[in-house]
Amino acid sequence: MKDKLEQFQIRRLESLRFWLLHAIGSIHTYLSGQVLQSLGFILEKVIIQADSLDTIISGNDRDYLQEEKFLLLHDYYKM
């Protein structure tokens, strides 16, 4: 009887482990996709408005850092 109870508990823990791994992976994929997509739009805007390579590089560094902080805070407060 004790062995059956242990096996049942082990299976439940394994199910919980797989569910948690799936949930974390899904959350990571969603957040990464949202941030990367938004940053891609910003990069496109910088490239269109740029008149030199230096402008693209400087705009890329500045806008990515500011926008990434905003997006992460926005998602945090939106929940």
N, C-alpha and C. Protein backbone atom coordinates (compact mmCIF):
# COMPACT_ATOMS: atom_id res chain seq x y z
N MET A 1 0.81 -1.20 0.00
CA MET A 1 0.00 0.00 0.00
C MET A 1 0.86 1.26 0.00
N LYS A 2 1.95 1.23 0.78
CA LYS A 2 2.83 2.38 0.86
C LYS A 2 3.50 2.66 -0.48
N ASP A 3 3.89 1.59 -1.19
CA ASP A 3 4.53 1.76 -2.50
C ASP A 3 3.59 2.41 -3.51
N LYS A 4 2.32 2.04 -3.48
CA LYS A 4 1.36 2.63 -4.40
C LYS A 4 1.17 4.12 -4.12
N LEU A 5 1.14 4.46 -2.84
CA LEU A 5 1.01 5.86 -2.47
C LEU A 5 2.23 6.66 -2.92
N GLU A 6 3.41 6.11 -2.74
CA GLU A 6 4.65 6.79 -3.18
C GLU A 6 4.66 6.95 -4.69
N GLN A 7 4.26 5.92 -5.42
CA GLN A 7 4.23 5.99 -6.88
C GLN A 7 3.23 7.06 -7.35
N PHE A 8 2.09 7.12 -6.67
CA PHE A 8 1.08 8.12 -7.01
C PHE A 8 1.63 9.53 -6.77
N GLN A 9 2.29 9.72 -5.64
CA GLN A 9 2.87 11.04 -5.33
C GLN A 9 3.98 11.40 -6.31
N ILE A 10 4.78 10.44 -6.71
CA ILE A 10 5.85 10.69 -7.68
C ILE A 10 5.25 11.10 -9.02
N ARG A 11 4.20 10.39 -9.45
CA ARG A 11 3.55 10.76 -10.72
C ARG A 11 2.94 12.15 -10.66
N ARG A 12 2.35 12.49 -9.52
CA ARG A 12 1.77 13.83 -9.37
C ARG A 12 2.84 14.90 -9.42
N LEU A 13 3.98 14.64 -8.77
CA LEU A 13 5.09 15.61 -8.81
C LEU A 13 5.65 15.74 -10.22
N GLU A 14 5.74 14.63 -10.95
CA GLU A 14 6.21 14.69 -12.33
C GLU A 14 5.24 15.49 -13.19
N SER A 15 3.95 15.29 -12.99
CA SER A 15 2.95 16.06 -13.74
C SER A 15 3.06 17.54 -13.42
N LEU A 16 3.21 17.86 -12.15
CA LEU A 16 3.37 19.25 -11.74
C LEU A 16 4.62 19.85 -12.36
N ARG A 17 5.71 19.11 -12.37
CA ARG A 17 6.97 19.58 -12.96
C ARG A 17 6.79 19.90 -14.44
N PHE A 18 6.17 18.99 -15.18
CA PHE A 18 5.97 19.22 -16.61
C PHE A 18 5.03 20.39 -16.85
N TRP A 19 3.98 20.53 -16.05
CA TRP A 19 3.06 21.64 -16.19
C TRP A 19 3.78 22.96 -15.93
N LEU A 20 4.60 23.01 -14.88
CA LEU A 20 5.34 24.24 -14.56
C LEU A 20 6.33 24.59 -15.67
N LEU A 21 7.03 23.59 -16.19
CA LEU A 21 7.96 23.85 -17.29
C LEU A 21 7.22 24.39 -18.51
N HIS A 22 6.07 23.84 -18.82
CA HIS A 22 5.28 24.32 -19.95
C HIS A 22 4.80 25.76 -19.70
N ALA A 23 4.30 26.02 -18.49
CA ALA A 23 3.79 27.35 -18.17
C ALA A 23 4.90 28.40 -18.25
N ILE A 24 6.05 28.10 -17.69
CA ILE A 24 7.17 29.04 -17.72
C ILE A 24 7.64 29.26 -19.15
N GLY A 25 7.71 28.19 -19.92
CA GLY A 25 8.11 28.32 -21.32
C GLY A 25 7.13 29.18 -22.12
N SER A 26 5.85 29.00 -21.87
CA SER A 26 4.83 29.79 -22.57
C SER A 26 4.92 31.26 -22.20
N ILE A 27 5.10 31.54 -20.93
CA ILE A 27 5.23 32.93 -20.47
C ILE A 27 6.47 33.57 -21.07
N HIS A 28 7.58 32.84 -21.07
CA HIS A 28 8.83 33.35 -21.63
C HIS A 28 8.66 33.66 -23.12
N THR A 29 8.04 32.74 -23.84
CA THR A 29 7.83 32.94 -25.28
C THR A 29 6.95 34.15 -25.55
N TYR A 30 5.90 34.31 -24.78
CA TYR A 30 4.99 35.44 -24.97
C TYR A 30 5.71 36.76 -24.71
N LEU A 31 6.38 36.87 -23.58
CA LEU A 31 7.05 38.12 -23.24
C LEU A 31 8.18 38.43 -24.20
N SER A 32 8.96 37.42 -24.55
CA SER A 32 10.05 37.64 -25.50
C SER A 32 9.51 38.10 -26.85
N GLY A 33 8.44 37.49 -27.29
CA GLY A 33 7.86 37.87 -28.57
C GLY A 33 7.34 39.29 -28.56
N GLN A 34 6.67 39.68 -27.49
CA GLN A 34 6.13 41.04 -27.39
C GLN A 34 7.25 42.07 -27.40
N VAL A 35 8.28 41.85 -26.60
CA VAL A 35 9.38 42.82 -26.51
C VAL A 35 10.15 42.86 -27.81
N LEU A 36 10.49 41.71 -28.37
CA LEU A 36 11.28 41.70 -29.61
C LEU A 36 10.51 42.30 -30.78
N GLN A 37 9.22 42.03 -30.86
CA GLN A 37 8.43 42.60 -31.95
C GLN A 37 8.39 44.12 -31.84
N SER A 38 8.18 44.63 -30.64
CA SER A 38 8.14 46.08 -30.45
C SER A 38 9.49 46.72 -30.76
N LEU A 39 10.56 46.07 -30.34
CA LEU A 39 11.89 46.61 -30.62
C LEU A 39 12.20 46.57 -32.11
N GLY A 40 11.68 45.56 -32.80
CA GLY A 40 11.85 45.50 -34.25
C GLY A 40 11.17 46.66 -34.95
N PHE A 41 9.99 47.03 -34.48
CA PHE A 41 9.29 48.18 -35.06
C PHE A 41 10.07 49.46 -34.83
N ILE A 42 10.65 49.59 -33.66
CA ILE A 42 11.45 50.78 -33.35
C ILE A 42 12.67 50.84 -34.26
N LEU A 43 13.33 49.71 -34.46
CA LEU A 43 14.50 49.68 -35.33
C LEU A 43 14.13 50.06 -36.76
N GLU A 44 12.99 49.57 -37.24
CA GLU A 44 12.54 49.93 -38.58
C GLU A 44 12.32 51.44 -38.69
N LYS A 45 11.72 52.02 -37.67
CA LYS A 45 11.47 53.47 -37.67
C LYS A 45 12.79 54.24 -37.70
N VAL A 46 13.76 53.79 -36.92
CA VAL A 46 15.07 54.46 -36.89
C VAL A 46 15.76 54.34 -38.24
N ILE A 47 15.68 53.19 -38.87
CA ILE A 47 16.33 52.99 -40.17
C ILE A 47 15.69 53.88 -41.24
N ILE A 48 14.37 53.97 -41.21
CA ILE A 48 13.67 54.80 -42.21
C ILE A 48 14.03 56.27 -42.06
N GLN A 49 14.14 56.74 -40.81
CA GLN A 49 14.40 58.16 -40.56
C GLN A 49 15.89 58.51 -40.61
N ALA A 50 16.75 57.52 -40.66
CA ALA A 50 18.20 57.79 -40.58
C ALA A 50 18.75 58.29 -41.91
N ASP A 51 19.77 59.14 -41.78
CA ASP A 51 20.43 59.62 -42.98
C ASP A 51 21.88 59.13 -43.07
N SER A 52 22.36 58.44 -42.02
CA SER A 52 23.70 57.87 -42.06
C SER A 52 23.76 56.65 -41.14
N LEU A 53 24.83 55.90 -41.29
CA LEU A 53 25.03 54.72 -40.46
C LEU A 53 25.20 55.09 -38.99
N ASP A 54 25.86 56.20 -38.73
CA ASP A 54 26.04 56.65 -37.35
C ASP A 54 24.70 56.95 -36.68
N THR A 55 23.78 57.51 -37.42
CA THR A 55 22.45 57.80 -36.87
C THR A 55 21.72 56.52 -36.51
N ILE A 56 21.85 55.52 -37.36
CA ILE A 56 21.21 54.23 -37.09
C ILE A 56 21.79 53.61 -35.83
N ILE A 57 23.09 53.63 -35.70
CA ILE A 57 23.75 53.02 -34.54
C ILE A 57 23.38 53.76 -33.26
N SER A 58 23.45 55.07 -33.27
CA SER A 58 23.14 55.83 -32.05
C SER A 58 21.66 55.72 -31.70
N GLY A 59 20.80 55.79 -32.68
CA GLY A 59 19.37 55.65 -32.42
C GLY A 59 19.00 54.26 -31.96
N ASN A 60 19.68 53.28 -32.51
CA ASN A 60 19.44 51.89 -32.13
C ASN A 60 19.76 51.68 -30.66
N ASP A 61 20.91 52.14 -30.21
CA ASP A 61 21.31 51.95 -28.81
C ASP A 61 20.37 52.70 -27.87
N ARG A 62 20.11 53.92 -28.15
CA ARG A 62 19.31 54.77 -27.25
C ARG A 62 17.87 54.28 -27.18
N ASP A 63 17.22 54.09 -28.31
CA ASP A 63 15.80 53.73 -28.33
C ASP A 63 15.56 52.33 -27.77
N TYR A 64 16.44 51.41 -28.04
CA TYR A 64 16.24 50.05 -27.52
C TYR A 64 16.24 50.03 -26.01
N LEU A 65 17.21 50.71 -25.42
CA LEU A 65 17.31 50.68 -23.97
C LEU A 65 16.10 51.36 -23.33
N GLN A 66 15.69 52.49 -23.84
CA GLN A 66 14.55 53.20 -23.27
C GLN A 66 13.26 52.43 -23.50
N GLU A 67 13.07 51.92 -24.68
CA GLU A 67 11.82 51.23 -25.01
C GLU A 67 11.71 49.91 -24.26
N GLU A 68 12.82 49.19 -24.11
CA GLU A 68 12.78 47.91 -23.40
C GLU A 68 12.35 48.12 -21.94
N LYS A 69 12.87 49.15 -21.30
CA LYS A 69 12.47 49.44 -19.92
C LYS A 69 10.99 49.77 -19.86
N PHE A 70 10.52 50.58 -20.81
CA PHE A 70 9.11 50.95 -20.83
C PHE A 70 8.22 49.72 -21.03
N LEU A 71 8.58 48.86 -21.99
CA LEU A 71 7.76 47.69 -22.27
C LEU A 71 7.69 46.75 -21.09
N LEU A 72 8.81 46.54 -20.43
CA LEU A 72 8.81 45.64 -19.29
C LEU A 72 7.97 46.21 -18.16
N LEU A 73 8.08 47.50 -17.90
CA LEU A 73 7.27 48.12 -16.86
C LEU A 73 5.80 48.13 -17.26
N HIS A 74 5.52 48.40 -18.52
CA HIS A 74 4.14 48.44 -19.00
C HIS A 74 3.49 47.07 -18.82
N ASP A 75 4.18 46.00 -19.20
CA ASP A 75 3.63 44.65 -19.03
C ASP A 75 3.44 44.31 -17.56
N TYR A 76 4.36 44.80 -16.71
CA TYR A 76 4.27 44.51 -15.28
C TYR A 76 3.03 45.17 -14.66
N TYR A 77 2.81 46.42 -15.00
CA TYR A 77 1.67 47.14 -14.41
C TYR A 77 0.35 46.81 -15.08
N LYS A 78 0.41 46.24 -16.26
CA LYS A 78 -0.80 45.90 -16.99
C LYS A 78 -1.48 44.67 -16.38
N MET A 79 -0.71 43.81 -15.76
CA MET A 79 -1.26 42.57 -15.20
C MET A 79 -2.14 42.81 -14.02
